[in-house]
Amino acid sequence: MKKHWKTILTVLLLSALLPVILLATEWRLPSLYGESYYAELSAMTERLYSVQGKKLVLVGGSNIAFGVDGNLLENLLAEKGFDYTVCPFGLYAALGTGAMLSLSEDALCPGDLVVLAMEPTAETLSCYFGAGAFWKCAETAPSLLMALKPAQCAAAAGSYIGYLQERTAIVRSQEWPRPEGAYRKDSFDADCTMRFVREGNTMPLGYDYADPIDLNALEIPADFAEEVNRYIQKAEKNGAQVVLSFSPMNRSAMTDVSEAVVWKYFSLCNDVFRCPVISDPNNYILDCGWFFDNNVHLNSAGAELRTYNLARDIFAFLGCYEPVEEEPLTMPASVAEPEDNAADNRFFVFAPTADNAAWIIWGLTDEGKKQTTLTAPSQIGRAHV
């Protein structure tokens, strides 16, 4: 019996020491993500809680980071006599919409206006929480963890050892993450607006064929609707207002852009979320030339276009119907680089798809049949294989 109790005490002691050991291990590791896109979440959160006066808070995923010019929107509001500080608060859909709600809800004050704009995906319109991505955001700002809900805390705790193993493996390999282009923290200015110049569409086909937008298939689970509606209710108790707009959507990536399907999506959001829907989704379905590197990320000109569209919707909600003066915008040309990325193309027989948007490998040439190994191309010119 005494031995049994000794075993129990040993297990309890080790259980108590394990978190201390893990935290001590992490503290000894160098920062890996301090200069990356992930690190911007702490800057967005700090600014959200520190600005004075009324705030216009834009909550969503990366469609906010890549798709709104916060400084332009703030100036447009000021021109119409609306004194708001614009706070972009959307970074990465893989964090989960719930994480952004948890982080922002206690920052809302009387007079604030929140615009929800969530990407049209099953992941963002659910209670999904990306614990691994969140740990990377919290690497240099562990205080972010304090805002999480119990279920999110449990998920974060469950993924901590895996996250720590990943960091340790990176340190041992000496292959440090090297964020490039828009995916660096210094792509954003002090007001959390992306300033990295995105000249045009970098996708060879103009859209990401691997991630189609299917509005007809979207559903909003009851538990997620409840989570969003609790957020709305708490905001209203704090004297803030919440409204719903839409993420930009690449027209070329959409499986169906018919009026019936778009109306179905609008009606679904309008029925489920207990806040005003201030936008028409048709105004956010844009041609592919306005996009950057995926089906919801806008290039710099596209972000300006979306900002004007959003400004008009906000003004109408606030009772202002004066025209918004806008300089004519030109849709940028594609900046995608053709990638004939296989030297073995001559060994394959290619045929176009039914819509002529891509190629399929139909077979091998006689010379190709004699080869022992072949490298298949992923695209030819600007077309996917």
Protein backbone atom coordinates (compact mmCIF):
# COMPACT_ATOMS: atom_id res chain seq x y z
CA MET A 1 0.00 0.00 0.00
CA LYS A 2 2.85 2.37 0.89
CA LYS A 3 4.50 1.61 -2.46
CA HIS A 4 1.21 2.36 -4.21
CA TRP A 5 1.01 5.81 -2.62
CA LYS A 6 4.63 6.51 -3.52
CA THR A 7 3.81 5.76 -7.15
CA ILE A 8 0.81 8.09 -7.09
CA LEU A 9 2.84 10.91 -5.51
CA THR A 10 5.61 10.45 -8.06
CA VAL A 11 3.15 10.69 -10.94
CA LEU A 12 1.53 13.81 -9.45
CA LEU A 13 4.92 15.42 -8.92
CA LEU A 14 6.00 14.72 -12.48
CA SER A 15 2.67 16.04 -13.76
CA ALA A 16 3.22 19.26 -11.84
CA LEU A 17 6.80 19.61 -13.05
CA LEU A 18 6.09 18.88 -16.72
CA PRO A 19 4.62 22.32 -17.56
CA VAL A 20 7.56 24.00 -15.82
CA ILE A 21 10.04 21.89 -17.78
CA LEU A 22 8.26 22.61 -21.07
CA LEU A 23 8.10 26.35 -20.42
CA ALA A 24 11.75 26.42 -19.40
CA THR A 25 12.61 24.64 -22.64
CA GLU A 26 10.68 27.20 -24.69
CA TRP A 27 12.25 30.17 -22.92
CA ARG A 28 15.68 28.86 -23.90
CA LEU A 29 14.77 28.71 -27.58
CA PRO A 30 15.44 31.74 -29.80
CA SER A 31 12.57 33.59 -31.43
CA LEU A 32 11.59 32.12 -34.79
CA TYR A 33 8.54 34.15 -35.75
CA GLY A 34 9.26 37.64 -34.43
CA GLU A 35 9.81 39.06 -37.93
CA SER A 36 7.08 37.05 -39.61
CA TYR A 37 3.48 37.72 -40.56
CA TYR A 38 2.39 35.87 -37.39
CA ALA A 39 3.93 38.57 -35.18
CA GLU A 40 1.51 41.21 -36.50
CA LEU A 41 -1.34 39.75 -34.42
CA SER A 42 0.15 41.10 -31.19
CA ALA A 43 0.55 44.55 -32.81
CA MET A 44 -3.08 44.50 -33.97
CA THR A 45 -4.25 43.49 -30.50
CA GLU A 46 -2.13 46.06 -28.69
CA ARG A 47 -3.38 48.84 -30.95
CA LEU A 48 -6.99 47.74 -30.59
CA TYR A 49 -6.78 48.09 -26.81
CA SER A 50 -4.72 51.27 -26.72
CA VAL A 51 -6.38 53.70 -29.16
CA GLN A 52 -8.54 56.43 -27.69
CA GLY A 53 -11.98 57.47 -28.91
CA LYS A 54 -14.40 55.63 -31.16
CA LYS A 55 -13.08 52.69 -33.15
CA LEU A 56 -14.13 51.08 -36.41
CA VAL A 57 -12.94 47.49 -35.94
CA LEU A 58 -12.65 45.21 -38.98
CA VAL A 59 -12.77 41.58 -37.82
CA GLY A 60 -12.08 38.60 -40.04
CA GLY A 61 -9.18 36.65 -41.50
CA SER A 62 -6.48 37.55 -43.98
CA ASN A 63 -9.01 39.14 -46.33
CA ILE A 64 -8.82 42.09 -43.92
CA ALA A 65 -5.02 42.25 -43.91
CA PHE A 66 -4.76 42.02 -47.70
CA GLY A 67 -7.99 43.72 -48.60
CA VAL A 68 -8.53 46.96 -46.66
CA ASP A 69 -6.54 50.19 -46.65
CA GLY A 70 -7.21 51.32 -43.09
CA ASN A 71 -5.71 54.77 -43.57
CA LEU A 72 -7.80 55.44 -46.68
CA LEU A 73 -10.95 54.26 -44.92
CA GLU A 74 -10.24 56.48 -41.93
CA ASN A 75 -9.73 59.50 -44.18
CA LEU A 76 -12.96 58.77 -46.07
CA LEU A 77 -14.84 58.58 -42.77
CA ALA A 78 -13.33 61.86 -41.59
CA GLU A 79 -14.34 63.59 -44.83
CA LYS A 80 -17.98 62.73 -44.06
CA GLY A 81 -17.67 63.88 -40.46
CA PHE A 82 -17.29 60.46 -38.80
CA ASP A 83 -14.57 60.42 -36.17
CA TYR A 84 -13.42 56.80 -36.03
CA THR A 85 -9.99 55.24 -35.65
CA VAL A 86 -9.89 52.29 -38.04
CA CYS A 87 -8.48 49.12 -36.48
CA PRO A 88 -7.85 46.26 -38.93
CA PHE A 89 -8.21 43.05 -36.94
CA GLY A 90 -7.90 40.19 -39.37
CA LEU A 91 -4.68 38.34 -40.09
CA TYR A 92 -4.90 34.65 -40.83
CA ALA A 93 -7.98 32.47 -41.42
CA ALA A 94 -6.06 29.45 -40.07
CA LEU A 95 -6.30 30.99 -36.59
CA GLY A 96 -10.06 30.59 -36.69
CA THR A 97 -12.69 33.30 -36.53
CA GLY A 98 -13.37 32.48 -32.87
CA ALA A 99 -9.83 33.47 -31.90
CA MET A 100 -10.32 36.95 -33.38
CA LEU A 101 -13.64 37.29 -31.56
CA SER A 102 -12.06 36.25 -28.26
CA LEU A 103 -9.17 38.67 -28.65
CA SER A 104 -11.30 41.66 -29.61
CA GLU A 105 -14.47 41.44 -27.50
CA ASP A 106 -13.10 43.11 -24.35
CA ALA A 107 -11.70 46.03 -26.34
CA LEU A 108 -15.11 47.21 -27.52
CA CYS A 109 -16.40 50.43 -25.98
CA PRO A 110 -19.43 52.73 -26.32
CA GLY A 111 -19.64 54.21 -29.80
CA ASP A 112 -17.44 51.57 -31.47
CA LEU A 113 -18.55 49.96 -34.72
CA VAL A 114 -17.44 46.42 -35.60
CA VAL A 115 -17.56 45.11 -39.16
CA LEU A 116 -17.41 41.33 -39.42
CA ALA A 117 -16.08 40.11 -42.79
CA MET A 118 -15.36 36.40 -42.77
CA GLU A 119 -13.96 34.35 -45.65
CA PRO A 120 -16.53 32.08 -47.33
CA THR A 121 -15.04 28.77 -46.20
CA ALA A 122 -16.22 25.94 -43.98
CA GLU A 123 -13.23 26.58 -41.69
CA THR A 124 -13.84 30.28 -41.04
CA LEU A 125 -17.60 29.82 -40.66
CA SER A 126 -17.14 27.34 -37.84
CA CYS A 127 -15.77 27.07 -34.30
CA TYR A 128 -12.44 25.85 -35.67
CA PHE A 129 -9.43 27.08 -33.68
CA GLY A 130 -5.94 26.87 -35.19
CA ALA A 131 -3.90 26.21 -32.06
CA GLY A 132 -0.62 25.64 -33.92
CA ALA A 133 -0.89 28.93 -35.78
CA PHE A 134 -1.92 30.73 -32.60
CA TRP A 135 1.19 29.53 -30.75
CA LYS A 136 3.35 31.07 -33.48
CA CYS A 137 1.49 34.37 -33.09
CA ALA A 138 1.92 34.21 -29.31
CA GLU A 139 5.62 33.36 -29.42
CA THR A 140 6.66 36.96 -28.71
CA ALA A 141 3.38 37.92 -26.99
CA PRO A 142 2.22 35.11 -24.67
CA SER A 143 -0.33 37.49 -23.13
CA LEU A 144 -2.52 36.72 -26.17
CA LEU A 145 -3.26 33.35 -24.56
CA MET A 146 -5.04 35.08 -21.67
CA ALA A 147 -7.94 36.13 -23.92
CA LEU A 148 -8.79 32.63 -25.14
CA LYS A 149 -11.98 30.84 -24.18
CA PRO A 150 -11.76 27.56 -22.18
CA ALA A 151 -12.20 25.32 -25.24
CA GLN A 152 -9.55 27.28 -27.11
CA CYS A 153 -7.20 27.07 -24.11
CA ALA A 154 -7.68 23.31 -24.02
CA ALA A 155 -6.85 23.05 -27.73
CA ALA A 156 -3.78 25.24 -27.25
CA ALA A 157 -2.60 23.11 -24.33
CA GLY A 158 -3.11 19.94 -26.35
CA SER A 159 -1.00 21.22 -29.23
CA TYR A 160 1.76 22.78 -27.12
CA ILE A 161 4.14 19.81 -27.10
CA GLY A 162 3.87 19.46 -30.88
CA TYR A 163 4.54 23.17 -31.32
CA LEU A 164 7.54 22.96 -29.01
CA GLN A 165 8.88 19.93 -30.88
CA GLU A 166 8.55 21.82 -34.16
CA ARG A 167 10.47 24.81 -32.80
CA THR A 168 13.17 22.57 -31.35
CA ALA A 169 13.56 20.74 -34.67
CA ILE A 170 13.92 24.03 -36.53
CA VAL A 171 16.60 25.26 -34.11
CA ARG A 172 18.52 22.01 -34.40
CA SER A 173 18.35 22.07 -38.19
CA GLN A 174 19.51 25.70 -38.27
CA GLU A 175 17.03 26.23 -41.14
CA TRP A 176 15.37 29.35 -39.78
CA PRO A 177 12.06 30.59 -41.19
CA ARG A 178 12.73 33.34 -43.72
CA PRO A 179 9.51 35.24 -44.32
CA GLU A 180 9.41 37.02 -47.65
CA GLY A 181 7.34 39.61 -49.44
CA ALA A 182 3.97 40.37 -47.91
CA TYR A 183 4.43 37.70 -45.25
CA ARG A 184 6.70 39.74 -43.01
CA LYS A 185 5.75 41.82 -40.00
CA ASP A 186 7.33 44.88 -41.55
CA SER A 187 4.83 44.62 -44.42
CA PHE A 188 2.46 46.48 -42.08
CA ASP A 189 2.66 50.09 -40.95
CA ALA A 190 2.20 51.32 -37.38
CA ASP A 191 -1.59 51.43 -37.92
CA CYS A 192 -1.65 47.72 -38.91
CA THR A 193 -2.42 48.40 -42.56
CA MET A 194 -0.43 46.35 -45.06
CA ARG A 195 1.93 48.61 -46.99
CA PHE A 196 3.74 45.95 -48.99
CA VAL A 197 3.03 46.77 -52.64
CA ARG A 198 1.14 43.94 -54.36
CA GLU A 199 1.39 44.92 -57.99
CA GLY A 200 -0.97 42.40 -59.54
CA ASN A 201 -2.21 38.83 -59.67
CA THR A 202 0.61 36.33 -59.18
CA MET A 203 -1.49 33.20 -59.83
CA PRO A 204 -0.76 31.61 -63.24
CA LEU A 205 -4.45 30.92 -63.93
CA GLY A 206 -5.65 34.08 -62.20
CA TYR A 207 -7.15 32.05 -59.38
CA ASP A 208 -6.25 29.20 -57.03
CA TYR A 209 -7.88 26.18 -58.67
CA ALA A 210 -7.16 24.05 -55.57
CA ASP A 211 -9.36 26.21 -53.35
CA PRO A 212 -12.65 26.90 -55.17
CA ILE A 213 -15.34 29.10 -53.62
CA ASP A 214 -18.64 27.22 -53.44
CA LEU A 215 -21.26 29.46 -51.86
CA ASN A 216 -23.98 26.94 -52.55
CA ALA A 217 -22.32 24.33 -50.33
CA LEU A 218 -21.67 26.61 -47.36
CA GLU A 219 -23.42 25.96 -44.09
CA ILE A 220 -23.15 27.78 -40.77
CA PRO A 221 -23.18 25.37 -37.81
CA ALA A 222 -25.44 26.25 -34.89
CA ASP A 223 -22.55 26.37 -32.40
CA PHE A 224 -20.67 28.91 -34.52
CA ALA A 225 -23.79 31.05 -34.99
CA GLU A 226 -24.21 31.01 -31.21
CA GLU A 227 -20.57 32.04 -30.71
CA VAL A 228 -20.90 35.00 -33.07
CA ASN A 229 -24.25 36.05 -31.61
CA ARG A 230 -22.81 35.99 -28.07
CA TYR A 231 -20.06 38.29 -29.34
CA ILE A 232 -22.68 40.61 -30.86
CA GLN A 233 -24.70 40.61 -27.64
CA LYS A 234 -21.65 41.40 -25.49
CA ALA A 235 -20.61 44.20 -27.86
CA GLU A 236 -24.07 45.75 -27.65
CA LYS A 237 -23.99 45.56 -23.83
CA ASN A 238 -20.73 47.50 -24.00
CA GLY A 239 -22.37 50.16 -26.17
CA ALA A 240 -20.83 49.04 -29.46
CA GLN A 241 -22.56 48.01 -32.69
CA VAL A 242 -21.75 45.01 -34.88
CA VAL A 243 -22.59 44.72 -38.58
CA LEU A 244 -21.80 42.15 -41.24
CA SER A 245 -20.06 42.69 -44.57
CA PHE A 246 -18.35 40.21 -46.89
CA SER A 247 -14.89 39.05 -47.85
CA PRO A 248 -13.78 39.69 -51.41
CA MET A 249 -14.24 36.65 -53.65
CA ASN A 250 -12.39 35.85 -56.86
CA ARG A 251 -15.05 35.46 -59.55
CA SER A 252 -12.89 33.02 -61.52
CA ALA A 253 -12.63 30.71 -58.49
CA MET A 254 -16.37 30.50 -57.87
CA THR A 255 -18.27 27.37 -58.81
CA ASP A 256 -21.52 29.30 -59.27
CA VAL A 257 -22.06 33.07 -59.39
CA SER A 258 -25.74 32.94 -60.26
CA GLU A 259 -28.10 35.39 -58.61
CA ALA A 260 -29.89 32.55 -56.84
CA VAL A 261 -26.74 31.18 -55.22
CA VAL A 262 -25.44 34.59 -54.14
CA TRP A 263 -28.85 35.45 -52.69
CA LYS A 264 -28.89 32.10 -50.85
CA TYR A 265 -25.55 32.97 -49.21
CA PHE A 266 -26.75 36.46 -48.28
CA SER A 267 -29.97 35.05 -46.80
CA LEU A 268 -28.08 32.43 -44.81
CA CYS A 269 -25.89 35.08 -43.15
CA ASN A 270 -28.84 37.41 -42.64
CA ASP A 271 -30.94 34.68 -41.00
CA VAL A 272 -28.23 33.23 -38.75
CA PHE A 273 -26.36 36.26 -37.41
CA ARG A 274 -28.27 38.73 -35.21
CA CYS A 275 -26.80 41.90 -36.64
CA PRO A 276 -27.47 44.07 -39.70
CA VAL A 277 -25.97 42.92 -43.01
CA ILE A 278 -24.76 46.15 -44.59
CA SER A 279 -23.30 44.82 -47.85
CA ASP A 280 -24.39 43.15 -51.05
CA PRO A 281 -22.05 40.18 -51.68
CA ASN A 282 -22.22 40.92 -55.42
CA ASN A 283 -20.11 44.03 -54.77
CA TYR A 284 -17.37 41.85 -53.31
CA ILE A 285 -17.27 39.29 -56.12
CA LEU A 286 -14.44 40.79 -58.16
CA ASP A 287 -12.61 39.92 -61.36
CA CYS A 288 -9.37 38.00 -60.92
CA GLY A 289 -7.18 40.96 -61.89
CA TRP A 290 -7.90 42.60 -58.53
CA PHE A 291 -6.46 39.65 -56.57
CA PHE A 292 -2.94 38.83 -55.43
CA ASP A 293 -1.92 35.31 -54.43
CA ASN A 294 -5.13 33.52 -53.45
CA ASN A 295 -8.87 33.78 -53.93
CA VAL A 296 -9.51 36.28 -51.10
CA HIS A 297 -6.22 38.24 -51.00
CA LEU A 298 -6.38 41.47 -52.99
CA ASN A 299 -3.49 43.25 -54.63
CA SER A 300 -2.90 46.89 -53.70
CA ALA A 301 -5.31 48.27 -56.31
CA GLY A 302 -7.91 45.67 -55.34
CA ALA A 303 -7.62 46.65 -51.68
CA GLU A 304 -8.30 50.26 -52.63
CA LEU A 305 -11.35 49.22 -54.65
CA ARG A 306 -12.70 47.10 -51.79
CA THR A 307 -12.07 49.93 -49.31
CA TYR A 308 -14.26 52.31 -51.34
CA ASN A 309 -17.00 49.66 -51.59
CA LEU A 310 -16.87 49.07 -47.85
CA ALA A 311 -16.88 52.81 -47.13
CA ARG A 312 -20.11 53.24 -49.12
CA ASP A 313 -21.74 50.42 -47.17
CA ILE A 314 -20.67 51.90 -43.83
CA PHE A 315 -21.85 55.39 -44.80
CA ALA A 316 -25.26 54.04 -45.81
CA PHE A 317 -25.55 52.22 -42.48
CA LEU A 318 -24.67 55.43 -40.65
CA GLY A 319 -27.32 57.34 -42.63
CA CYS A 320 -24.98 59.16 -45.00
CA TYR A 321 -25.88 58.84 -48.70
CA GLU A 322 -23.56 61.45 -50.12
CA PRO A 323 -21.50 60.19 -53.08
CA VAL A 324 -17.97 59.03 -52.35
CA GLU A 325 -15.44 60.70 -54.60
CA GLU A 326 -13.18 58.03 -56.02
CA GLU A 327 -10.36 58.30 -58.52
CA PRO A 328 -10.83 55.85 -61.39
CA LEU A 329 -8.97 52.61 -60.71
CA THR A 330 -7.36 50.47 -63.37
CA MET A 331 -7.26 46.73 -62.87
CA PRO A 332 -3.59 45.68 -62.87
CA ALA A 333 -2.18 43.29 -65.43
CA SER A 334 -1.14 39.84 -64.32
CA VAL A 335 2.36 39.58 -62.85
CA ALA A 336 2.38 35.75 -62.79
CA GLU A 337 5.52 34.17 -64.15
CA PRO A 338 5.03 31.32 -66.62
CA GLU A 339 6.56 28.13 -65.30
CA ASP A 340 7.32 25.47 -67.88
CA ASN A 341 8.86 23.60 -64.98
CA ALA A 342 9.72 20.22 -66.46
CA ALA A 343 12.42 19.39 -68.99
CA ASP A 344 10.52 16.21 -69.85
CA ASN A 345 7.51 17.84 -71.54
CA ARG A 346 8.42 16.30 -74.90
CA PHE A 347 7.80 12.83 -73.44
CA PHE A 348 4.13 13.53 -72.60
CA VAL A 349 0.99 13.84 -74.68
CA PHE A 350 -1.18 16.71 -73.44
CA ALA A 351 -4.84 17.48 -74.06
CA PRO A 352 -6.86 20.54 -72.97
CA THR A 353 -9.64 20.26 -70.40
CA ALA A 354 -13.23 20.76 -71.52
CA ASP A 355 -13.15 24.45 -70.56
CA ASN A 356 -9.67 24.99 -72.04
CA ALA A 357 -8.51 26.33 -68.68
CA ALA A 358 -5.86 23.66 -68.06
CA TRP A 359 -4.07 20.65 -69.52
CA ILE A 360 -4.32 16.97 -68.70
CA ILE A 361 -1.65 14.32 -69.33
CA TRP A 362 -3.24 12.06 -71.94
CA GLY A 363 -0.36 9.64 -72.37
CA LEU A 364 3.28 9.23 -73.33
CA THR A 365 5.09 9.63 -76.61
CA ASP A 366 6.98 6.65 -78.03
CA GLU A 367 10.18 8.21 -76.72
CA GLY A 368 8.56 8.76 -73.34
CA LYS A 369 7.65 5.08 -73.05
CA LYS A 370 11.36 4.22 -73.23
CA GLN A 371 12.25 6.34 -70.18
CA THR A 372 12.72 4.87 -66.70
CA THR A 373 11.86 8.09 -64.83
CA LEU A 374 9.95 11.18 -65.87
CA THR A 375 9.18 14.54 -64.28
CA ALA A 376 5.63 15.74 -64.96
CA PRO A 377 5.06 19.50 -65.19
CA SER A 378 2.63 21.22 -62.83
CA GLN A 379 1.87 23.85 -65.45
CA ILE A 380 2.64 24.80 -69.04
CA GLY A 381 2.81 28.51 -69.74
CA ARG A 382 0.07 29.98 -67.56
CA ALA A 383 -2.09 26.86 -67.53
CA HIS A 384 -2.27 24.23 -64.79
CA VAL A 385 -1.54 20.58 -65.68
